[in-house]
């Protein structure tokens, strides 16, 4: 039975449609300054479907890893905005990519990718699969009231993916922390057929505290200090939250992955989009320690410390693409 698993490939996908703060100024009671000051977001991508975005991100991750679809024995898709209530969107993505083995969805909202990462590692450790394609994808704009300035400026669409491969000599997952406070589940909700409702101030307050607490627990379990971390990849909800959490952890911003300014809050896609962008930029090398932390609706949180295993020198399959396959500017 494999001792562990490592990440060998990554990819991302964003809709072609760019919505800037100026576009929102034209139809909402808001300004670019107000949005940037409170969230750090300058533009976001809107459009497409979860299955289309997930398929593109997954295809690029497979290309980067040099893995054929037939070699993948499990697909785990983290999403809170599935294309349909039934069946799971992972089934459509599995078919589109021509994968082998099984597939299932995970819904833990903004912490979903890290939850799914733990499930993927568990599947490899249990001997259920030697290669897993893990995708975080959401079209949160579908749940957002376009006339609500409190949420319309924040949420957007996208997908990020990684390939996880069994490694008999290395265990890339060093520690995890998972948790949920169900008593606060009503702070961020969306009823069937409805739109997102969020108590922003309370979510912000809890997000900073829980991100720091969860990240610290994961570091402690890995017997590591913040200074050991080469890259901190937090959920991309709000630049102020990211900066506050990094400051409290003692991790300088030059070791933090940030894409929220150009992607907005993409929920389950948030962490893998930031991770893929950092890898595309060549910010990671073999042996680097990566701390990923997600927090969101539920209120659920999840952190993982991962040892990076591959060179991120740009090559085939690198760089984000739109769902149509066009390269990002």
Protein backbone atom coordinates (compact mmCIF):
# COMPACT_ATOMS: atom_id res chain seq x y z
CA UNK A 1 0.00 0.00 0.00
CA UNK A 2 1.40 3.47 -0.91
CA UNK A 3 3.02 5.43 1.89
CA UNK A 4 1.69 8.72 0.62
CA UNK A 5 1.05 10.98 -2.35
CA UNK A 6 2.38 14.15 -3.94
CA UNK A 7 1.01 16.85 -6.23
CA UNK A 8 2.48 16.46 -9.72
CA UNK A 9 0.38 18.80 -11.85
CA UNK A 10 -1.87 21.83 -11.67
CA UNK A 11 -4.16 23.88 -13.89
CA UNK A 12 -6.76 26.62 -13.83
CA UNK A 13 -9.62 28.03 -15.88
CA UNK A 14 -11.51 31.31 -15.79
CA UNK A 15 -14.47 32.58 -17.82
CA UNK A 16 -13.60 34.91 -20.68
CA UNK A 17 -15.96 37.65 -19.45
CA UNK A 18 -14.13 40.20 -17.27
CA UNK A 19 -16.28 42.38 -15.01
CA UNK A 20 -14.38 45.37 -13.67
CA UNK A 21 -15.24 47.64 -10.79
CA UNK A 22 -16.03 50.32 -13.36
CA UNK A 23 -18.65 48.00 -14.86
CA UNK A 24 -20.26 47.65 -11.44
CA UNK A 25 -20.11 51.39 -10.81
CA UNK A 26 -22.28 51.87 -13.87
CA UNK A 27 -25.21 49.93 -12.41
CA UNK A 28 -24.77 49.76 -8.62
CA UNK A 29 -24.52 52.31 -5.84
CA UNK A 30 -20.82 51.70 -5.39
CA UNK A 31 -17.40 52.94 -6.48
CA UNK A 32 -14.08 51.40 -7.43
CA UNK A 33 -12.54 52.97 -4.33
CA UNK A 34 -15.21 51.49 -2.04
CA UNK A 35 -14.77 48.00 -3.50
CA UNK A 36 -10.97 48.05 -3.48
CA UNK A 37 -10.73 49.51 0.03
CA UNK A 38 -13.05 46.90 1.53
CA UNK A 39 -12.14 43.81 -0.49
CA UNK A 40 -9.04 44.39 -2.60
CA UNK A 41 -10.96 43.19 -5.67
CA UNK A 42 -10.44 45.10 -8.91
CA UNK A 43 -12.02 42.68 -11.38
CA UNK A 44 -13.64 39.27 -11.51
CA UNK A 45 -14.64 36.67 -14.11
CA UNK A 46 -18.28 35.77 -14.68
CA UNK A 47 -19.77 33.07 -16.87
CA UNK A 48 -19.55 29.48 -18.01
CA UNK A 49 -20.60 26.40 -16.06
CA UNK A 50 -18.95 24.41 -13.31
CA UNK A 51 -18.57 21.38 -15.56
CA UNK A 52 -16.96 23.39 -18.39
CA UNK A 53 -14.56 25.26 -16.12
CA UNK A 54 -13.69 22.13 -14.13
CA UNK A 55 -13.05 20.16 -17.32
CA UNK A 56 -10.67 22.81 -18.66
CA UNK A 57 -8.77 23.15 -15.38
CA UNK A 58 -8.59 19.37 -15.04
CA UNK A 59 -7.32 18.91 -18.58
CA UNK A 60 -4.55 21.43 -18.00
CA UNK A 61 -3.54 19.77 -14.72
CA UNK A 62 -3.28 16.41 -16.47
CA UNK A 63 -1.17 17.95 -19.23
CA UNK A 64 1.14 19.54 -16.67
CA UNK A 65 1.56 16.23 -14.84
CA UNK A 66 2.07 14.27 -18.03
CA UNK A 67 -0.76 11.93 -17.01
CA UNK A 68 -3.28 10.50 -19.47
CA UNK A 69 -6.99 10.55 -18.52
CA UNK A 70 -7.07 6.75 -18.54
CA UNK A 71 -4.43 6.69 -15.78
CA UNK A 72 -6.65 8.66 -13.37
CA UNK A 73 -8.56 6.33 -11.08
CA UNK A 74 -10.59 8.89 -9.12
CA UNK A 75 -12.02 12.38 -9.61
CA UNK A 76 -12.90 14.52 -6.59
CA UNK A 77 -14.75 17.74 -7.43
CA UNK A 78 -15.20 20.39 -4.75
CA UNK A 79 -18.15 22.64 -5.59
CA UNK A 80 -21.13 24.29 -3.92
CA UNK A 81 -22.71 25.33 -7.23
CA UNK A 82 -23.22 22.05 -9.13
CA UNK A 83 -24.70 22.21 -12.61
CA UNK A 84 -27.64 20.08 -11.45
CA UNK A 85 -29.06 18.91 -8.14
CA UNK A 86 -28.67 15.34 -9.45
CA UNK A 87 -26.43 13.82 -10.70
CA UNK A 88 -23.12 15.00 -9.27
CA UNK A 89 -21.29 17.39 -11.61
CA UNK A 90 -18.18 15.23 -11.26
CA UNK A 91 -19.93 12.63 -13.43
CA UNK A 92 -20.12 15.06 -16.37
CA UNK A 93 -16.50 16.15 -15.87
CA UNK A 94 -15.37 12.53 -15.59
CA UNK A 95 -17.03 11.77 -18.93
CA UNK A 96 -15.75 14.91 -20.66
CA UNK A 97 -12.16 14.15 -19.70
CA UNK A 98 -12.40 10.41 -20.39
CA UNK A 99 -11.18 9.39 -16.95
CA UNK A 100 -11.25 5.91 -15.45
CA UNK A 101 -12.40 4.88 -11.99
CA UNK A 102 -14.91 6.74 -9.85
CA UNK A 103 -15.97 10.32 -9.17
CA UNK A 104 -17.78 12.27 -6.48
CA UNK A 105 -18.57 15.85 -5.42
CA UNK A 106 -17.66 17.53 -2.12
CA UNK A 107 -19.60 20.55 -0.85
CA UNK A 108 -17.87 22.45 1.93
CA UNK A 109 -18.16 25.85 0.21
CA UNK A 110 -15.02 27.98 0.48
CA UNK A 111 -13.14 25.31 2.46
CA UNK A 112 -14.21 22.64 -0.02
CA UNK A 113 -10.95 22.24 -1.90
CA UNK A 114 -8.94 21.50 1.25
CA UNK A 115 -11.61 19.05 2.45
CA UNK A 116 -11.47 17.38 -0.97
CA UNK A 117 -7.66 17.33 -0.80
CA UNK A 118 -7.84 15.37 2.45
CA UNK A 119 -10.34 12.95 0.87
CA UNK A 120 -8.08 12.50 -2.17
CA UNK A 121 -5.03 11.78 -0.03
CA UNK A 122 -7.12 9.34 1.99
CA UNK A 123 -8.17 7.48 -1.15
CA UNK A 124 -4.55 7.08 -2.21
CA UNK A 125 -3.47 5.99 1.27
CA UNK A 126 -6.28 3.41 1.34
CA UNK A 127 -5.11 1.96 -1.97
CA UNK A 128 -8.32 2.98 -3.76
CA UNK A 129 -6.43 4.96 -6.42
CA UNK A 130 -2.85 5.72 -7.36
CA UNK A 131 -3.75 8.86 -9.31
CA UNK A 132 -6.47 11.31 -8.34
CA UNK A 133 -7.63 14.41 -10.19
CA UNK A 134 -8.76 16.99 -7.64
CA UNK A 135 -10.72 20.03 -8.83
CA UNK A 136 -12.24 23.03 -7.08
CA UNK A 137 -14.82 24.79 -9.26
CA UNK A 138 -17.67 27.18 -8.64
CA UNK A 139 -19.92 29.61 -10.48
CA UNK A 140 -20.89 31.66 -7.45
CA UNK A 141 -22.35 34.39 -9.65
CA UNK A 142 -25.32 32.05 -10.17
CA UNK A 143 -26.17 32.40 -6.46
CA UNK A 144 -25.56 36.14 -6.30
CA UNK A 145 -28.17 38.90 -6.57
CA UNK A 146 -26.67 41.17 -9.26
CA UNK A 147 -28.35 44.17 -7.63
CA UNK A 148 -26.96 43.52 -4.14
CA UNK A 149 -23.81 45.59 -3.81
CA UNK A 150 -22.79 43.70 -0.66
CA UNK A 151 -22.34 40.43 -2.57
CA UNK A 152 -22.33 41.21 -6.31
CA UNK A 153 -18.92 42.89 -6.03
CA UNK A 154 -17.38 39.90 -4.23
CA UNK A 155 -18.37 36.62 -5.83
CA UNK A 156 -17.24 35.22 -9.17
CA UNK A 157 -16.55 32.06 -11.16
CA UNK A 158 -13.54 29.86 -11.87
CA UNK A 159 -11.81 26.50 -11.41
CA UNK A 160 -8.47 25.16 -10.27
CA UNK A 161 -7.12 21.61 -10.28
CA UNK A 162 -4.24 19.43 -9.15
CA UNK A 163 -3.13 15.89 -9.92
CA UNK A 164 -2.27 13.76 -6.92
CA UNK A 165 -0.09 10.69 -7.48
CA UNK A 166 0.89 7.90 -5.11
CA UNK A 167 4.49 8.00 -3.93
CA UNK A 168 5.85 5.00 -2.07
CA UNK A 169 8.76 7.03 -0.69
CA UNK A 170 7.16 10.36 0.21
CA UNK A 171 4.03 11.56 1.98
CA UNK A 172 3.24 15.01 0.68
CA UNK A 173 0.49 15.66 3.23
CA UNK A 174 2.13 16.50 6.54
CA UNK A 175 -0.83 17.64 8.65
CA UNK A 176 -4.45 18.73 8.47
CA UNK A 177 -7.03 20.55 10.56
CA UNK A 178 -10.75 20.27 9.82
CA UNK A 179 -13.63 21.87 11.68
CA UNK A 180 -17.09 23.38 11.52
CA UNK A 181 -19.24 25.56 13.76
CA UNK A 182 -22.75 24.67 12.68
CA UNK A 183 -24.27 27.12 15.15
CA UNK A 184 -23.12 29.88 12.76
CA UNK A 185 -24.43 28.25 9.59
CA UNK A 186 -26.95 31.04 9.02
CA UNK A 187 -24.29 33.74 8.62
CA UNK A 188 -23.84 32.85 4.94
CA UNK A 189 -26.70 31.05 3.22
CA UNK A 190 -28.47 30.50 -0.05
CA UNK A 191 -31.89 28.83 -0.10
CA UNK A 192 -32.95 26.60 -2.99
CA UNK A 193 -33.92 28.94 -5.82
CA UNK A 194 -32.72 31.97 -3.88
CA UNK A 195 -29.64 34.18 -3.77
CA UNK A 196 -26.74 34.59 -1.37
CA UNK A 197 -27.41 36.26 1.99
CA UNK A 198 -24.39 37.16 4.10
CA UNK A 199 -23.76 38.90 7.40
CA UNK A 200 -20.54 40.41 6.15
CA UNK A 201 -19.12 41.97 9.31
CA UNK A 202 -19.54 38.82 11.40
CA UNK A 203 -18.19 36.59 8.63
CA UNK A 204 -15.13 38.87 8.36
CA UNK A 205 -14.54 38.76 12.12
CA UNK A 206 -14.78 34.99 12.28
CA UNK A 207 -12.76 34.44 9.08
CA UNK A 208 -9.59 36.07 10.39
CA UNK A 209 -9.76 34.33 13.77
CA UNK A 210 -10.58 30.87 12.42
CA UNK A 211 -8.07 31.05 9.57
CA UNK A 212 -5.30 31.80 12.06
CA UNK A 213 -6.46 29.16 14.56
CA UNK A 214 -6.83 26.42 11.95
CA UNK A 215 -3.53 27.23 10.24
CA UNK A 216 -1.77 27.24 13.59
CA UNK A 217 -3.19 23.83 14.53
CA UNK A 218 -2.04 22.35 11.23
CA UNK A 219 1.44 23.82 11.69
CA UNK A 220 1.63 22.49 15.25
CA UNK A 221 0.62 19.00 14.13
CA UNK A 222 3.33 19.10 11.47
CA UNK A 223 5.79 20.36 14.10
CA UNK A 224 6.50 23.42 11.97
CA UNK A 225 6.67 27.17 12.54
CA UNK A 226 5.27 29.88 10.23
CA UNK A 227 8.83 30.67 9.17
CA UNK A 228 9.12 27.17 7.66
CA UNK A 229 6.33 27.85 5.18
CA UNK A 230 7.44 28.77 1.67
CA UNK A 231 3.93 29.65 0.50
CA UNK A 232 0.70 30.41 2.37
CA UNK A 233 -2.38 29.85 0.19
CA UNK A 234 -5.47 31.17 2.00
CA UNK A 235 -9.03 31.32 0.72
CA UNK A 236 -9.31 34.33 -1.57
CA UNK A 237 -12.35 36.02 -0.04
CA UNK A 238 -11.03 39.44 0.80
CA UNK A 239 -7.56 40.99 0.71
CA UNK A 240 -8.06 42.53 4.16
CA UNK A 241 -8.77 39.07 5.62
CA UNK A 242 -5.70 37.63 3.88
CA UNK A 243 -3.44 40.43 5.12
CA UNK A 244 -4.79 40.27 8.68
CA UNK A 245 -4.42 36.48 8.87
CA UNK A 246 -0.91 36.51 7.42
CA UNK A 247 0.12 39.25 9.84
CA UNK A 248 -1.17 37.34 12.87
CA UNK A 249 0.54 34.15 11.69
CA UNK A 250 3.78 36.01 11.13
CA UNK A 251 3.99 35.15 7.42
CA UNK A 252 5.16 38.07 5.20
CA UNK A 253 2.99 38.92 2.21
CA UNK A 254 5.76 38.02 -0.21
CA UNK A 255 5.17 34.40 0.85
CA UNK A 256 1.38 34.60 0.41
CA UNK A 257 -0.47 33.62 -2.77
CA UNK A 258 -2.94 36.35 -3.75
CA UNK A 259 -5.26 36.38 -6.79
CA UNK A 260 -8.41 37.86 -5.22
CA UNK A 261 -7.69 41.23 -6.84
CA UNK A 262 -8.36 39.74 -10.29
CA UNK A 263 -10.60 36.75 -9.57
CA UNK A 264 -12.87 37.81 -6.70
CA UNK A 265 -14.20 35.16 -4.33
CA UNK A 266 -14.60 31.93 -6.28
CA UNK A 267 -15.41 29.73 -3.27
CA UNK A 268 -14.20 26.15 -3.87
CA UNK A 269 -12.00 27.34 -6.76
CA UNK A 270 -10.29 29.99 -4.63
CA UNK A 271 -7.41 28.02 -3.08
CA UNK A 272 -6.49 25.98 -6.19
CA UNK A 273 -6.62 29.11 -8.38
CA UNK A 274 -4.16 30.86 -6.06
CA UNK A 275 -1.98 27.74 -5.84
CA UNK A 276 -1.91 27.31 -9.62
CA UNK A 277 -1.06 30.98 -10.15
CA UNK A 278 1.87 30.70 -7.74
CA UNK A 279 3.10 27.53 -9.44
CA UNK A 280 2.73 29.13 -12.87
CA UNK A 281 4.86 32.03 -11.62
CA UNK A 282 7.61 29.60 -10.56
CA UNK A 283 7.22 30.39 -6.87
CA UNK A 284 7.49 26.76 -5.73
CA UNK A 285 10.25 24.18 -5.83
CA UNK A 286 10.79 20.59 -4.66
CA UNK A 287 10.69 20.35 -0.87
CA UNK A 288 8.90 23.66 -0.32
CA UNK A 289 6.25 23.58 2.39
CA UNK A 290 2.82 24.92 1.45
CA UNK A 291 0.08 25.88 3.92
CA UNK A 292 -3.47 25.95 2.51
CA UNK A 293 -6.41 27.26 4.52
CA UNK A 294 -10.06 27.66 3.59
CA UNK A 295 -12.98 29.12 5.54
CA UNK A 296 -16.57 29.75 4.57
CA UNK A 297 -20.23 28.84 4.75
CA UNK A 298 -21.14 26.29 7.30
CA UNK A 299 -19.20 27.77 9.04
CA UNK A 300 -16.57 25.24 7.98
CA UNK A 301 -12.79 25.51 7.88
CA UNK A 302 -9.88 23.37 6.76
CA UNK A 303 -6.08 23.66 6.67
CA UNK A 304 -3.41 21.41 5.20
CA UNK A 305 0.37 21.47 5.18
CA UNK A 306 1.78 19.95 2.00
CA UNK A 307 5.33 19.27 0.87
CA UNK A 308 5.67 20.37 -2.75
CA UNK A 309 7.41 17.83 -4.95
CA UNK A 310 7.93 19.23 -8.45
CA UNK A 311 9.74 21.99 -10.31
CA UNK A 312 7.41 24.82 -11.35
CA UNK A 313 9.49 26.09 -14.24
CA UNK A 314 6.92 27.15 -16.88
CA UNK A 315 6.27 24.54 -19.51
CA UNK A 316 3.46 22.84 -21.48
CA UNK A 317 0.08 23.33 -19.87
CA UNK A 318 1.17 26.19 -17.62
CA UNK A 319 -0.62 29.49 -17.35
CA UNK A 320 -4.36 30.02 -16.76
CA UNK A 321 -6.84 29.77 -19.59
CA UNK A 322 -10.42 30.77 -20.11
CA UNK A 323 -13.09 28.13 -20.41
CA UNK A 324 -12.86 28.48 -24.20
CA UNK A 325 -9.14 27.65 -24.06
CA UNK A 326 -7.95 31.18 -24.79
CA UNK A 327 -4.91 32.27 -22.85
CA UNK A 328 -5.34 34.76 -20.05
CA UNK A 329 -3.97 38.27 -20.61
